[in-house]
Amino acid sequence: MTAAEELVVLVADDGRQIGTAPKATVHDADTPLHLAFSCHVRDDAGRLLVTRRALGKRTWPGVWTNSFCGHPAPGEPLDEAIARRALDELGVVLTDLAPVLPDFRYRAVDASGVVENEICPVFSARTADPVLPDPDEVVEHRWVDEGDLERAALAAPWAFSPWLNLQLEAMASLRA
C-alpha cells in the first residue's frame, strides 16, 4: 500500500476518533490531529535501538529517533499496528510489548514548515532478531545505552526528532 492509499485515524482533542484521511494529505503545514504510535525496542542486553530517518522522509529527514513510529489503520488495534510496522520497517518480530507513555501527544513543526500533530502512545518492546531496515524508512541504526542516548539528546537536541526528545524527557520524569 502506498502512502497515498494509506489512511490515518483523525481524532478530536479528547482522543475520540472522528474520521479518516489519506496519510499523504495529513502531514503538511495544517496537519489535523491524528492517531500514531512510537516504539522503543531493546535487545537481550538491554540496549535501546535508535534509528536515523531516511533522507527521503518528508518530515525530519536524516535525524535520529526512537526505534520506529507509525499510524494504525482504521479499526486496527495498536498492538497489531506496532507488530506490522516493526516487521515492515525493521524486519523484526517483537515480544514484551508494553505501554510506557499511553497519553503522549505532541505537535512539532520541521524546518520546511511541515507539522506533526499526533496523539501518539509510546510503547516498549524487545527483539532478539537482527535488524534489517527498509532503506526508504531508515538510513542507519544503532543499539545504544539509554543513558548515553539521553546525554546525547540533551547535548545536541537538533540531531534528534522532537518526539524522541519529548519522550526521553517524559520517561526520565517517570523514573524520578
Protein backbone atom coordinates (compact mmCIF):
# COMPACT_ATOMS: atom_id res chain seq x y z
CA MET A 1 0.00 0.00 0.00
CA THR A 2 1.37 3.42 -0.91
CA ALA A 3 1.25 6.48 1.35
CA ALA A 4 -1.39 7.92 -1.00
CA GLU A 5 -3.62 4.91 -0.27
CA GLU A 6 -2.81 4.57 3.45
CA LEU A 7 -5.41 6.07 5.79
CA VAL A 8 -4.78 7.59 9.21
CA VAL A 9 -7.31 7.96 12.00
CA LEU A 10 -8.31 11.55 12.73
CA VAL A 11 -9.07 12.30 16.37
CA ALA A 12 -10.71 15.06 18.39
CA ASP A 13 -8.78 16.84 21.13
CA ASP A 14 -10.15 14.32 23.67
CA GLY A 15 -8.82 11.38 21.59
CA ARG A 16 -12.22 10.37 20.21
CA GLN A 17 -11.99 9.07 16.62
CA ILE A 18 -13.74 11.44 14.22
CA GLY A 19 -12.80 10.16 10.79
CA THR A 20 -10.00 9.18 8.46
CA ALA A 21 -7.82 10.88 5.89
CA PRO A 22 -5.18 9.75 3.41
CA LYS A 23 -1.74 9.76 5.10
CA ALA A 24 -0.33 11.70 2.15
CA THR A 25 -2.63 14.63 2.95
CA VAL A 26 -2.21 14.93 6.73
CA HIS A 27 1.44 15.90 7.09
CA ASP A 28 1.61 19.45 5.81
CA ALA A 29 1.51 22.97 7.23
CA ASP A 30 -2.04 22.41 8.53
CA THR A 31 -1.85 18.86 9.90
CA PRO A 32 -5.02 17.68 11.65
CA LEU A 33 -4.72 15.86 14.97
CA HIS A 34 -4.41 12.13 14.25
CA LEU A 35 -3.50 8.84 15.92
CA ALA A 36 0.02 7.44 15.80
CA PHE A 37 2.36 5.37 17.97
CA SER A 38 6.05 5.21 18.87
CA CYS A 39 8.01 2.17 19.98
CA HIS A 40 11.31 1.84 21.83
CA VAL A 41 12.87 -1.58 21.19
CA ARG A 42 15.50 -3.21 23.39
CA ASP A 43 17.72 -6.21 22.76
CA ASP A 44 18.51 -9.00 25.21
CA ALA A 45 21.44 -6.95 26.58
CA GLY A 46 19.06 -4.09 27.47
CA ARG A 47 20.37 -1.75 24.80
CA LEU A 48 17.93 0.57 23.04
CA LEU A 49 17.56 0.61 19.26
CA VAL A 50 17.70 4.08 17.72
CA THR A 51 17.23 4.73 14.03
CA ARG A 52 18.17 7.54 11.71
CA ARG A 53 15.32 8.54 9.45
CA ALA A 54 15.90 8.04 5.73
CA LEU A 55 16.99 11.14 3.85
CA GLY A 56 13.93 10.88 1.61
CA LYS A 57 11.44 11.15 4.51
CA ARG A 58 9.03 14.07 4.19
CA THR A 59 9.45 15.16 7.83
CA TRP A 60 12.68 15.32 9.77
CA PRO A 61 14.81 13.51 7.18
CA GLY A 62 18.17 12.33 8.49
CA VAL A 63 17.51 12.85 12.21
CA TRP A 64 17.97 10.16 14.84
CA THR A 65 14.81 8.95 16.53
CA ASN A 66 13.29 6.15 18.58
CA SER A 67 13.20 2.63 17.13
CA PHE A 68 10.16 3.26 14.92
CA CYS A 69 6.85 5.06 14.67
CA GLY A 70 3.72 4.62 12.64
CA HIS A 71 0.00 5.04 12.29
CA PRO A 72 -2.63 2.38 12.94
CA ALA A 73 -5.04 1.76 10.09
CA PRO A 74 -8.71 2.50 10.79
CA GLY A 75 -10.01 -0.26 13.08
CA GLU A 76 -6.54 -1.79 13.57
CA PRO A 77 -5.62 -2.49 17.21
CA LEU A 78 -2.44 -0.67 18.28
CA ASP A 79 -0.59 -3.88 19.17
CA GLU A 80 -1.22 -5.25 15.67
CA ALA A 81 -0.19 -1.97 14.04
CA ILE A 82 3.04 -1.92 16.05
CA ALA A 83 3.85 -5.53 15.15
CA ARG A 84 3.12 -4.79 11.47
CA ARG A 85 5.30 -1.70 11.41
CA ALA A 86 8.20 -3.39 13.25
CA LEU A 87 8.27 -6.10 10.62
CA ASP A 88 7.81 -3.73 7.65
CA GLU A 89 10.29 -1.06 8.77
CA LEU A 90 12.91 -3.05 10.69
CA GLY A 91 12.35 -6.68 9.75
CA VAL A 92 11.94 -7.70 13.40
CA VAL A 93 9.37 -9.56 15.45
CA LEU A 94 8.62 -8.02 18.83
CA THR A 95 8.00 -9.55 22.25
CA ASP A 96 7.10 -8.00 25.61
CA LEU A 97 5.14 -5.10 24.10
CA ALA A 98 4.02 -2.73 26.88
CA PRO A 99 2.75 0.85 27.09
CA VAL A 100 5.24 3.36 28.54
CA LEU A 101 3.57 6.72 27.88
CA PRO A 102 -0.04 5.86 26.97
CA ASP A 103 -1.18 9.51 26.91
CA PHE A 104 1.75 11.03 24.99
CA ARG A 105 0.89 13.67 22.41
CA TYR A 106 2.88 16.35 20.67
CA ARG A 107 2.86 18.99 17.98
CA ALA A 108 6.06 19.96 16.20
CA VAL A 109 6.99 21.91 13.07
CA ASP A 110 10.02 20.96 10.98
CA ALA A 111 12.30 23.36 9.10
CA SER A 112 10.23 23.04 5.92
CA GLY A 113 7.03 24.02 7.75
CA VAL A 114 5.53 20.52 7.86
CA VAL A 115 3.62 19.90 11.08
CA GLU A 116 3.36 16.70 13.12
CA ASN A 117 0.23 16.80 15.30
CA GLU A 118 -0.35 13.45 16.96
CA ILE A 119 -1.83 11.60 19.86
CA CYS A 120 1.00 9.10 19.98
CA PRO A 121 1.04 6.42 22.70
CA VAL A 122 4.60 5.22 23.37
CA PHE A 123 5.43 1.54 23.83
CA SER A 124 8.46 -0.52 24.72
CA ALA A 125 9.25 -3.96 23.30
CA ARG A 126 12.06 -6.45 22.88
CA THR A 127 13.52 -8.30 19.93
CA ALA A 128 16.23 -10.90 19.50
CA ASP A 129 16.12 -10.56 15.70
CA PRO A 130 18.77 -8.93 13.55
CA VAL A 131 17.63 -5.51 12.37
CA LEU A 132 17.06 -5.41 8.60
CA PRO A 133 15.78 -1.89 7.97
CA ASP A 134 13.76 -0.76 4.97
CA PRO A 135 16.08 1.82 3.31
CA ASP A 136 13.08 4.02 2.45
CA GLU A 137 12.48 4.39 6.19
CA VAL A 138 15.85 4.03 7.95
CA VAL A 139 19.30 5.07 6.75
CA GLU A 140 21.20 3.94 9.89
CA HIS A 141 20.54 2.20 13.17
CA ARG A 142 22.45 1.65 16.41
CA TRP A 143 21.99 -0.23 19.68
CA VAL A 144 22.82 2.23 22.48
CA ASP A 145 22.81 2.61 26.23
CA GLU A 146 19.74 4.64 27.28
CA GLY A 147 21.83 6.95 29.48
CA ASP A 148 24.17 7.69 26.58
CA LEU A 149 21.17 8.48 24.39
CA GLU A 150 19.69 10.84 26.98
CA ARG A 151 23.03 12.69 27.31
CA ALA A 152 23.41 12.97 23.52
CA ALA A 153 19.86 14.31 23.14
CA LEU A 154 20.50 16.92 25.83
CA ALA A 155 23.78 17.97 24.23
CA ALA A 156 22.50 18.12 20.64
CA PRO A 157 18.68 18.12 20.58
CA TRP A 158 18.60 19.23 16.94
CA ALA A 159 20.14 15.89 15.89
CA PHE A 160 17.09 14.01 17.21
CA SER A 161 13.40 14.05 16.36
CA PRO A 162 11.35 16.38 18.54
CA TRP A 163 9.13 13.49 19.63
CA LEU A 164 12.14 11.48 20.81
CA ASN A 165 13.39 14.44 22.85
CA LEU A 166 9.95 14.84 24.45
CA GLN A 167 9.60 11.09 25.06
CA LEU A 168 13.03 10.86 26.72
CA GLU A 169 12.15 13.78 28.97
CA ALA A 170 8.79 12.24 29.92
CA MET A 171 10.30 8.81 30.59
CA ALA A 172 13.05 10.33 32.75
CA SER A 173 10.42 12.13 34.83
CA LEU A 174 8.64 8.79 35.39
CA ARG A 175 11.88 7.36 36.82
CA ALA A 176 12.48 10.39 39.07
